[in-house]
């Protein structure tokens, strides 16, 4: 083998090894950051006034969740699935952890795998009317940051929709319910001077299987843009004593049609 070829191969091998090490260090750093935030999140639990008599569809959802028998201060969810940055994009691997409380609070960490080498991480927080999202290449190189009133409203909307995973939140006095018809109920959550609204839709068995809202914003080139949004529950299951969604799709409504950007399974839930 010519010396030049040997040198090229040696350089490639060194670059691959260095890149793998870089990815490993970045992910380890990101995981450490999440663990530190999660510890503070779990140890500083707040309490909120509870509704004594929520509307029938919500009371039924709470009862079926078994949260009365299996209470918690924080719930930790692990999710596995796929994600699309835009409707035309190829689906990539998504691994996420979510921390939710019976109050309007959320901590969300996600790792997106474009390929076996390149990974992107995002860390999102919502608390007290403020939301922030940081995105990082390999878990350590900042690539973007979002912190605006519109983004906070969007994240509060997601907190409310995710009450299906976090059923104790459904009884919070911070949520006002308005029945629309036999299968739909409008819910508005207020927190930190902002509010957000979703529409919960039940199936014939009484399970809430769809959540829609006009209060979300989606990532676009150069920032965020308003877009109608929906979350569809495909299946419920029992995890750590709670009956919660275990198979879910999330989509933006573009030109009147749903464009699925996240399709995932809840692989574990832990009550803390």
C-alpha atoms as a PDB file:
ATOM      1  CA  UNK A   1       0.000   0.000   0.000  1.00  0.00           C
ATOM      2  CA  UNK A   2       1.447   3.414  -0.994  1.00  0.00           C
ATOM      3  CA  UNK A   3       2.553   5.633   1.958  1.00  0.00           C
ATOM      4  CA  UNK A   4       0.089   8.385   0.960  1.00  0.00           C
ATOM      5  CA  UNK A   5      -2.859   5.962   1.178  1.00  0.00           C
ATOM      6  CA  UNK A   6      -1.635   4.756   4.558  1.00  0.00           C
ATOM      7  CA  UNK A   7      -1.497   8.333   5.830  1.00  0.00           C
ATOM      8  CA  UNK A   8      -5.016   9.072   4.555  1.00  0.00           C
ATOM      9  CA  UNK A   9      -6.378   5.935   6.247  1.00  0.00           C
ATOM     10  CA  UNK A  10      -4.573   6.839   9.475  1.00  0.00           C
ATOM     11  CA  UNK A  11      -6.053  10.367   9.433  1.00  0.00           C
ATOM     12  CA  UNK A  12      -9.559   8.991   8.818  1.00  0.00           C
ATOM     13  CA  UNK A  13      -9.219   6.518  11.683  1.00  0.00           C
ATOM     14  CA  UNK A  14      -8.002   9.269  14.044  1.00  0.00           C
ATOM     15  CA  UNK A  15     -10.882  11.552  13.032  1.00  0.00           C
ATOM     16  CA  UNK A  16     -13.464   8.809  13.574  1.00  0.00           C
ATOM     17  CA  UNK A  17     -12.034   7.955  17.007  1.00  0.00           C
ATOM     18  CA  UNK A  18     -11.892  11.629  17.975  1.00  0.00           C
ATOM     19  CA  UNK A  19     -15.455  12.226  16.796  1.00  0.00           C
ATOM     20  CA  UNK A  20     -16.800   9.226  18.714  1.00  0.00           C
ATOM     21  CA  UNK A  21     -15.027  10.492  21.827  1.00  0.00           C
ATOM     22  CA  UNK A  22     -16.424  13.978  21.214  1.00  0.00           C
ATOM     23  CA  UNK A  23     -19.971  12.596  20.909  1.00  0.00           C
ATOM     24  CA  UNK A  24     -19.533  10.508  24.061  1.00  0.00           C
ATOM     25  CA  UNK A  25     -18.217  13.471  26.056  1.00  0.00           C
ATOM     26  CA  UNK A  26     -20.991  15.734  24.767  1.00  0.00           C
ATOM     27  CA  UNK A  27     -23.716  13.251  25.670  1.00  0.00           C
ATOM     28  CA  UNK A  28     -22.202  12.645  29.098  1.00  0.00           C
ATOM     29  CA  UNK A  29     -22.070  16.411  29.679  1.00  0.00           C
ATOM     30  CA  UNK A  30     -25.682  16.833  28.533  1.00  0.00           C
ATOM     31  CA  UNK A  31     -26.872  13.951  30.736  1.00  0.00           C
ATOM     32  CA  UNK A  32     -25.100  15.441  33.754  1.00  0.00           C
ATOM     33  CA  UNK A  33     -26.805  18.796  33.137  1.00  0.00           C
ATOM     34  CA  UNK A  34     -30.208  17.101  32.905  1.00  0.00           C
ATOM     35  CA  UNK A  35     -29.610  15.096  36.088  1.00  0.00           C
ATOM     36  CA  UNK A  36     -28.668  18.257  37.999  1.00  0.00           C
ATOM     37  CA  UNK A  37     -31.788  20.055  36.795  1.00  0.00           C
ATOM     38  CA  UNK A  38     -33.938  16.988  37.467  1.00  0.00           C
ATOM     39  CA  UNK A  39     -32.696  16.797  41.068  1.00  0.00           C
ATOM     40  CA  UNK A  40     -33.598  20.437  41.690  1.00  0.00           C
ATOM     41  CA  UNK A  41     -36.899  19.980  39.841  1.00  0.00           C
ATOM     42  CA  UNK A  42     -37.912  17.001  42.016  1.00  0.00           C
ATOM     43  CA  UNK A  43     -36.714  18.432  45.320  1.00  0.00           C
ATOM     44  CA  UNK A  44     -38.501  21.764  44.939  1.00  0.00           C
ATOM     45  CA  UNK A  45     -42.033  20.501  44.486  1.00  0.00           C
ATOM     46  CA  UNK A  46     -44.731  23.134  44.648  1.00  0.00           C
ATOM     47  CA  UNK A  47     -48.355  22.519  45.521  1.00  0.00           C
ATOM     48  CA  UNK A  48     -51.462  23.831  43.806  1.00  0.00           C
ATOM     49  CA  UNK A  49     -55.102  24.080  44.826  1.00  0.00           C
ATOM     50  CA  UNK A  50     -57.175  21.165  43.535  1.00  0.00           C
ATOM     51  CA  UNK A  51     -60.620  21.171  41.967  1.00  0.00           C
ATOM     52  CA  UNK A  52     -63.123  19.290  44.089  1.00  0.00           C
ATOM     53  CA  UNK A  53     -65.596  18.631  41.288  1.00  0.00           C
ATOM     54  CA  UNK A  54     -64.108  18.714  37.754  1.00  0.00           C
ATOM     55  CA  UNK A  55     -66.466  18.157  34.791  1.00  0.00           C
ATOM     56  CA  UNK A  56     -67.561  14.571  34.118  1.00  0.00           C
ATOM     57  CA  UNK A  57     -65.175  13.851  31.169  1.00  0.00           C
ATOM     58  CA  UNK A  58     -62.193  15.080  33.192  1.00  0.00           C
ATOM     59  CA  UNK A  59     -63.309  13.335  36.383  1.00  0.00           C
ATOM     60  CA  UNK A  60     -63.625  10.112  34.377  1.00  0.00           C
ATOM     61  CA  UNK A  61     -60.120  10.551  32.922  1.00  0.00           C
ATOM     62  CA  UNK A  62     -58.671  11.168  36.398  1.00  0.00           C
ATOM     63  CA  UNK A  63     -60.459   8.139  37.843  1.00  0.00           C
ATOM     64  CA  UNK A  64     -59.305   5.830  35.035  1.00  0.00           C
ATOM     65  CA  UNK A  65     -55.718   7.020  35.448  1.00  0.00           C
ATOM     66  CA  UNK A  66     -55.652   5.538  38.998  1.00  0.00           C
ATOM     67  CA  UNK A  67     -53.835   8.644  40.241  1.00  0.00           C
ATOM     68  CA  UNK A  68     -55.951   8.721  43.423  1.00  0.00           C
ATOM     69  CA  UNK A  69     -54.447   5.376  44.470  1.00  0.00           C
ATOM     70  CA  UNK A  70     -50.977   6.115  43.129  1.00  0.00           C
ATOM     71  CA  UNK A  71     -50.065   9.714  43.900  1.00  0.00           C
ATOM     72  CA  UNK A  72     -46.758  11.418  43.139  1.00  0.00           C
ATOM     73  CA  UNK A  73     -44.914  14.694  43.438  1.00  0.00           C
ATOM     74  CA  UNK A  74     -43.127  14.306  40.111  1.00  0.00           C
ATOM     75  CA  UNK A  75     -43.441  11.791  37.298  1.00  0.00           C
ATOM     76  CA  UNK A  76     -40.472  10.812  35.114  1.00  0.00           C
ATOM     77  CA  UNK A  77     -41.238   9.544  31.614  1.00  0.00           C
ATOM     78  CA  UNK A  78     -38.927   7.907  29.096  1.00  0.00           C
ATOM     79  CA  UNK A  79     -39.902   8.041  25.421  1.00  0.00           C
ATOM     80  CA  UNK A  80     -38.531   6.383  22.290  1.00  0.00           C
ATOM     81  CA  UNK A  81     -39.574   7.120  18.737  1.00  0.00           C
ATOM     82  CA  UNK A  82     -38.916   9.170  15.629  1.00  0.00           C
ATOM     83  CA  UNK A  83     -38.869  12.869  14.787  1.00  0.00           C
ATOM     84  CA  UNK A  84     -39.047  14.981  11.612  1.00  0.00           C
ATOM     85  CA  UNK A  85     -37.673  18.522  11.549  1.00  0.00           C
ATOM     86  CA  UNK A  86     -40.089  19.338   8.728  1.00  0.00           C
ATOM     87  CA  UNK A  87     -42.768  17.306   6.899  1.00  0.00           C
ATOM     88  CA  UNK A  88     -40.461  16.475   3.984  1.00  0.00           C
ATOM     89  CA  UNK A  89     -37.568  15.413   6.237  1.00  0.00           C
ATOM     90  CA  UNK A  90     -36.517  11.829   6.806  1.00  0.00           C
ATOM     91  CA  UNK A  91     -37.544  10.468  10.208  1.00  0.00           C
ATOM     92  CA  UNK A  92     -34.646  10.248  12.684  1.00  0.00           C
ATOM     93  CA  UNK A  93     -34.293   8.515  16.045  1.00  0.00           C
ATOM     94  CA  UNK A  94     -35.658  10.342  19.079  1.00  0.00           C
ATOM     95  CA  UNK A  95     -34.949   9.531  22.724  1.00  0.00           C
ATOM     96  CA  UNK A  96     -36.478  11.752  25.400  1.00  0.00           C
ATOM     97  CA  UNK A  97     -36.939  12.192  29.132  1.00  0.00           C
ATOM     98  CA  UNK A  98     -39.723  14.302  30.600  1.00  0.00           C
ATOM     99  CA  UNK A  99     -40.305  15.446  34.171  1.00  0.00           C
ATOM    100  CA  UNK A 100     -43.827  16.630  35.014  1.00  0.00           C
ATOM    101  CA  UNK A 101     -45.516  17.758  38.229  1.00  0.00           C
ATOM    102  CA  UNK A 102     -49.151  18.260  39.343  1.00  0.00           C
ATOM    103  CA  UNK A 103     -48.433  21.965  38.703  1.00  0.00           C
ATOM    104  CA  UNK A 104     -47.672  23.836  35.431  1.00  0.00           C
ATOM    105  CA  UNK A 105     -44.024  22.770  35.279  1.00  0.00           C
ATOM    106  CA  UNK A 106     -42.044  20.758  32.753  1.00  0.00           C
ATOM    107  CA  UNK A 107     -38.469  19.668  32.119  1.00  0.00           C
ATOM    108  CA  UNK A 108     -37.857  17.974  28.757  1.00  0.00           C
ATOM    109  CA  UNK A 109     -34.592  16.587  27.393  1.00  0.00           C
ATOM    110  CA  UNK A 110     -34.365  15.040  23.930  1.00  0.00           C
ATOM    111  CA  UNK A 111     -31.616  13.471  21.833  1.00  0.00           C
ATOM    112  CA  UNK A 112     -32.042  13.289  18.057  1.00  0.00           C
ATOM    113  CA  UNK A 113     -29.838  10.923  16.077  1.00  0.00           C
ATOM    114  CA  UNK A 114     -29.373  12.095  12.496  1.00  0.00           C
ATOM    115  CA  UNK A 115     -26.988   9.164  11.996  1.00  0.00           C
ATOM    116  CA  UNK A 116     -24.756   6.976  14.210  1.00  0.00           C
ATOM    117  CA  UNK A 117     -22.259   9.841  14.588  1.00  0.00           C
ATOM    118  CA  UNK A 118     -24.181  13.142  14.486  1.00  0.00           C
ATOM    119  CA  UNK A 119     -26.547  13.862  17.389  1.00  0.00           C
ATOM    120  CA  UNK A 120     -28.512  16.926  18.417  1.00  0.00           C
ATOM    121  CA  UNK A 121     -29.793  17.592  21.927  1.00  0.00           C
ATOM    122  CA  UNK A 122     -32.453  19.964  23.179  1.00  0.00           C
ATOM    123  CA  UNK A 123     -33.237  20.945  26.749  1.00  0.00           C
ATOM    124  CA  UNK A 124     -36.568  22.658  27.428  1.00  0.00           C
ATOM    125  CA  UNK A 125     -37.950  24.066  30.662  1.00  0.00           C
ATOM    126  CA  UNK A 126     -41.258  25.671  31.594  1.00  0.00           C
ATOM    127  CA  UNK A 127     -42.008  27.293  34.954  1.00  0.00           C
ATOM    128  CA  UNK A 128     -43.912  30.319  36.230  1.00  0.00           C
ATOM    129  CA  UNK A 129     -44.864  31.721  32.829  1.00  0.00           C
ATOM    130  CA  UNK A 130     -41.342  31.408  31.407  1.00  0.00           C
ATOM    131  CA  UNK A 131     -40.014  28.857  28.939  1.00  0.00           C
ATOM    132  CA  UNK A 132     -36.591  28.268  27.463  1.00  0.00           C
ATOM    133  CA  UNK A 133     -35.186  25.859  24.929  1.00  0.00           C
ATOM    134  CA  UNK A 134     -31.487  25.311  24.200  1.00  0.00           C
ATOM    135  CA  UNK A 135     -30.328  23.172  21.278  1.00  0.00           C
ATOM    136  CA  UNK A 136     -26.829  21.681  21.072  1.00  0.00           C
ATOM    137  CA  UNK A 137     -24.823  19.710  18.536  1.00  0.00           C
ATOM    138  CA  UNK A 138     -23.238  16.649  20.193  1.00  0.00           C
ATOM    139  CA  UNK A 139     -24.745  17.887  23.470  1.00  0.00           C
ATOM    140  CA  UNK A 140     -22.147  20.649  23.973  1.00  0.00           C
ATOM    141  CA  UNK A 141     -22.030  23.001  20.947  1.00  0.00           C
ATOM    142  CA  UNK A 142     -24.868  25.588  21.195  1.00  0.00           C
ATOM    143  CA  UNK A 143     -26.895  25.853  17.979  1.00  0.00           C
ATOM    144  CA  UNK A 144     -29.926  27.835  19.112  1.00  0.00           C
ATOM    145  CA  UNK A 145     -31.891  29.269  22.019  1.00  0.00           C
ATOM    146  CA  UNK A 146     -35.556  30.261  22.308  1.00  0.00           C
ATOM    147  CA  UNK A 147     -36.994  32.360  25.117  1.00  0.00           C
ATOM    148  CA  UNK A 148     -40.034  34.473  24.231  1.00  0.00           C
ATOM    149  CA  UNK A 149     -43.592  35.122  25.362  1.00  0.00           C
ATOM    150  CA  UNK A 150     -44.986  33.262  22.339  1.00  0.00           C
ATOM    151  CA  UNK A 151     -42.753  30.275  23.073  1.00  0.00           C
ATOM    152  CA  UNK A 152     -43.810  30.314  26.752  1.00  0.00           C
ATOM    153  CA  UNK A 153     -47.476  30.194  25.720  1.00  0.00           C
ATOM    154  CA  UNK A 154     -46.703  27.346  23.334  1.00  0.00           C
ATOM    155  CA  UNK A 155     -44.927  25.369  26.048  1.00  0.00           C
ATOM    156  CA  UNK A 156     -47.744  26.007  28.539  1.00  0.00           C
ATOM    157  CA  UNK A 157     -50.079  24.540  25.907  1.00  0.00           C
ATOM    158  CA  UNK A 158     -47.902  21.436  25.781  1.00  0.00           C
ATOM    159  CA  UNK A 159     -47.850  21.206  29.585  1.00  0.00           C
ATOM    160  CA  UNK A 160     -51.658  21.171  29.526  1.00  0.00           C
ATOM    161  CA  UNK A 161     -51.835  18.559  26.751  1.00  0.00           C
ATOM    162  CA  UNK A 162     -49.290  16.419  28.590  1.00  0.00           C
ATOM    163  CA  UNK A 163     -51.678  16.297  31.569  1.00  0.00           C
ATOM    164  CA  UNK A 164     -52.772  13.033  29.939  1.00  0.00           C
ATOM    165  CA  UNK A 165     -49.352  11.682  31.020  1.00  0.00           C
ATOM    166  CA  UNK A 166     -49.591  13.704  34.247  1.00  0.00           C
ATOM    167  CA  UNK A 167     -53.212  13.116  35.359  1.00  0.00           C
ATOM    168  CA  UNK A 168     -52.837  14.825  38.742  1.00  0.00           C
ATOM    169  CA  UNK A 169     -52.522  18.134  36.839  1.00  0.00           C
ATOM    170  CA  UNK A 170     -56.042  17.699  35.417  1.00  0.00           C
ATOM    171  CA  UNK A 171     -57.497  18.520  38.850  1.00  0.00           C
ATOM    172  CA  UNK A 172     -55.498  21.744  39.262  1.00  0.00           C
ATOM    173  CA  UNK A 173     -57.576  24.848  39.982  1.00  0.00           C
ATOM    174  CA  UNK A 174     -55.369  26.635  37.448  1.00  0.00           C
ATOM    175  CA  UNK A 175     -57.416  24.934  34.688  1.00  0.00           C
ATOM    176  CA  UNK A 176     -60.893  26.121  33.631  1.00  0.00           C
ATOM    177  CA  UNK A 177     -63.084  23.664  31.708  1.00  0.00           C
ATOM    178  CA  UNK A 178     -65.871  24.414  29.250  1.00  0.00           C
ATOM    179  CA  UNK A 179     -67.896  21.528  27.751  1.00  0.00           C
ATOM    180  CA  UNK A 180     -68.377  21.833  23.968  1.00  0.00           C
ATOM    181  CA  UNK A 181     -70.412  18.695  23.280  1.00  0.00           C
ATOM    182  CA  UNK A 182     -70.682  15.072  24.448  1.00  0.00           C
ATOM    183  CA  UNK A 183     -67.132  14.228  23.350  1.00  0.00           C
ATOM    184  CA  UNK A 184     -65.212  17.520  23.537  1.00  0.00           C
ATOM    185  CA  UNK A 185     -64.224  19.809  26.368  1.00  0.00           C
ATOM    186  CA  UNK A 186     -62.218  23.033  26.137  1.00  0.00           C
ATOM    187  CA  UNK A 187     -59.558  23.541  28.801  1.00  0.00           C
ATOM    188  CA  UNK A 188     -57.708  26.777  29.564  1.00  0.00           C
ATOM    189  CA  UNK A 189     -54.725  26.854  31.897  1.00  0.00           C
ATOM    190  CA  UNK A 190     -53.443  30.074  33.490  1.00  0.00           C
ATOM    191  CA  UNK A 191     -49.982  30.510  34.941  1.00  0.00           C
ATOM    192  CA  UNK A 192     -47.531  33.338  35.473  1.00  0.00           C
ATOM    193  CA  UNK A 193     -49.735  35.902  33.745  1.00  0.00           C
ATOM    194  CA  UNK A 194     -50.248  33.842  30.568  1.00  0.00           C
ATOM    195  CA  UNK A 195     -52.870  31.331  29.513  1.00  0.00           C
ATOM    196  CA  UNK A 196     -53.212  28.602  26.903  1.00  0.00           C
ATOM    197  CA  UNK A 197     -56.149  26.607  25.590  1.00  0.00           C
ATOM    198  CA  UNK A 198     -56.565  23.072  24.262  1.00  0.00           C
ATOM    199  CA  UNK A 199     -59.524  20.999  23.152  1.00  0.00           C
ATOM    200  CA  UNK A 200     -59.714  17.507  24.669  1.00  0.00           C
ATOM    201  CA  UNK A 201     -61.640  14.965  22.576  1.00  0.00           C
ATOM    202  CA  UNK A 202     -62.904  11.623  23.923  1.00  0.00           C
ATOM    203  CA  UNK A 203     -63.756   8.415  22.079  1.00  0.00           C
ATOM    204  CA  UNK A 204     -66.878   6.307  22.572  1.00  0.00           C
ATOM    205  CA  UNK A 205     -65.307   4.583  25.594  1.00  0.00           C
ATOM    206  CA  UNK A 206     -64.683   7.927  27.284  1.00  0.00           C
ATOM    207  CA  UNK A 207     -60.888   7.987  26.927  1.00  0.00           C
ATOM    208  CA  UNK A 208     -59.350  11.278  25.808  1.00  0.00           C
ATOM    209  CA  UNK A 209     -57.674  10.347  22.523  1.00  0.00           C
ATOM    210  CA  UNK A 210     -56.987  13.693  20.842  1.00  0.00           C
ATOM    211  CA  UNK A 211     -55.784  17.123  21.958  1.00  0.00           C
ATOM    212  CA  UNK A 212     -55.795  20.126  19.598  1.00  0.00           C
ATOM    213  CA  UNK A 213     -54.758  23.754  20.008  1.00  0.00           C
ATOM    214  CA  UNK A 214     -54.062  26.956  18.102  1.00  0.00           C
ATOM    215  CA  UNK A 215     -51.732  28.267  20.825  1.00  0.00           C
ATOM    216  CA  UNK A 216     -48.491  26.585  19.759  1.00  0.00           C
ATOM    217  CA  UNK A 217     -45.531  27.743  17.668  1.00  0.00           C
ATOM    218  CA  UNK A 218     -43.328  25.480  15.553  1.00  0.00           C
ATOM    219  CA  UNK A 219     -39.658  25.750  14.610  1.00  0.00           C
ATOM    220  CA  UNK A 220     -39.047  27.360  11.213  1.00  0.00           C
ATOM    221  CA  UNK A 221     -35.964  28.766   9.561  1.00  0.00           C
ATOM    222  CA  UNK A 222     -34.931  31.801  11.566  1.00  0.00           C
ATOM    223  CA  UNK A 223     -37.194  31.214  14.561  1.00  0.00           C
ATOM    224  CA  UNK A 224     -40.733  30.152  15.470  1.00  0.00           C
ATOM    225  CA  UNK A 225     -44.091  30.533  13.718  1.00  0.00           C
ATOM    226  CA  UNK A 226     -47.678  29.960  14.958  1.00  0.00           C
ATOM    227  CA  UNK A 227     -49.283  26.721  13.781  1.00  0.00           C
ATOM    228  CA  UNK A 228     -52.317  24.637  14.781  1.00  0.00           C
ATOM    229  CA  UNK A 229     -51.227  21.492  16.598  1.00  0.00           C
ATOM    230  CA  UNK A 230     -52.628  18.133  17.586  1.00  0.00           C
ATOM    231  CA  UNK A 231     -51.649  15.176  19.741  1.00  0.00           C
ATOM    232  CA  UNK A 232     -53.268  11.803  19.055  1.00  0.00           C
ATOM    233  CA  UNK A 233     -53.261   8.951  21.570  1.00  0.00           C
ATOM    234  CA  UNK A 234     -53.151   5.588  19.850  1.00  0.00           C
ATOM    235  CA  UNK A 235     -53.067   3.406  22.974  1.00  0.00           C
ATOM    236  CA  UNK A 236     -53.242   3.624  26.753  1.00  0.00           C
ATOM    237  CA  UNK A 237     -51.328   1.334  29.095  1.00  0.00           C
ATOM    238  CA  UNK A 238     -50.420   0.813  32.759  1.00  0.00           C
ATOM    239  CA  UNK A 239     -47.005   2.064  33.893  1.00  0.00           C
ATOM    240  CA  UNK A 240     -45.930   2.259  37.549  1.00  0.00           C
ATOM    241  CA  UNK A 241     -49.531   2.072  38.722  1.00  0.00           C
ATOM    242  CA  UNK A 242     -50.865   4.764  36.371  1.00  0.00           C
ATOM    243  CA  UNK A 243     -52.976   4.347  33.253  1.00  0.00           C
ATOM    244  CA  UNK A 244     -51.539   6.844  30.774  1.00  0.00           C
ATOM    245  CA  UNK A 245     -50.933   7.125  27.002  1.00  0.00           C
ATOM    246  CA  UNK A 246     -48.195   4.772  25.821  1.00  0.00           C
ATOM    247  CA  UNK A 247     -48.343   5.326  22.043  1.00  0.00           C
ATOM    248  CA  UNK A 248     -48.654   8.883  20.701  1.00  0.00           C
ATOM    249  CA  UNK A 249     -48.333  11.011  17.557  1.00  0.00           C
ATOM    250  CA  UNK A 250     -47.857  14.781  17.498  1.00  0.00           C
ATOM    251  CA  UNK A 251     -48.515  16.807  14.353  1.00  0.00           C
ATOM    252  CA  UNK A 252     -48.654  20.338  12.994  1.00  0.00           C
ATOM    253  CA  UNK A 253     -51.755  21.161  10.969  1.00  0.00           C
ATOM    254  CA  UNK A 254     -50.370  22.567   7.716  1.00  0.00           C
ATOM    255  CA  UNK A 255     -52.716  23.561   4.880  1.00  0.00           C
ATOM    256  CA  UNK A 256     -55.540  21.859   6.721  1.00  0.00           C
ATOM    257  CA  UNK A 257     -53.788  18.481   7.011  1.00  0.00           C
ATOM    258  CA  UNK A 258     -51.839  16.909   9.896  1.00  0.00           C
ATOM    259  CA  UNK A 259     -48.079  16.677   9.317  1.00  0.00           C
ATOM    260  CA  UNK A 260     -46.743  14.229  11.898  1.00  0.00           C
ATOM    261  CA  UNK A 261     -43.394  15.331  13.321  1.00  0.00           C
ATOM    262  CA  UNK A 262     -43.136  13.038  16.363  1.00  0.00           C
ATOM    263  CA  UNK A 263     -44.229   9.428  16.742  1.00  0.00           C
ATOM    264  CA  UNK A 264     -43.220   7.807  20.016  1.00  0.00           C
ATOM    265  CA  UNK A 265     -43.827   5.235  22.741  1.00  0.00           C
ATOM    266  CA  UNK A 266     -43.666   5.852  26.471  1.00  0.00           C
ATOM    267  CA  UNK A 267     -41.346   3.033  27.501  1.00  0.00           C
ATOM    268  CA  UNK A 268     -41.301   3.736  31.234  1.00  0.00           C
ATOM    269  CA  UNK A 269     -42.868   5.952  33.872  1.00  0.00           C
ATOM    270  CA  UNK A 270     -41.651   6.421  37.426  1.00  0.00           C
ATOM    271  CA  UNK A 271     -43.544   8.190  40.170  1.00  0.00           C
ATOM    272  CA  UNK A 272     -41.268  10.263  42.411  1.00  0.00           C
END
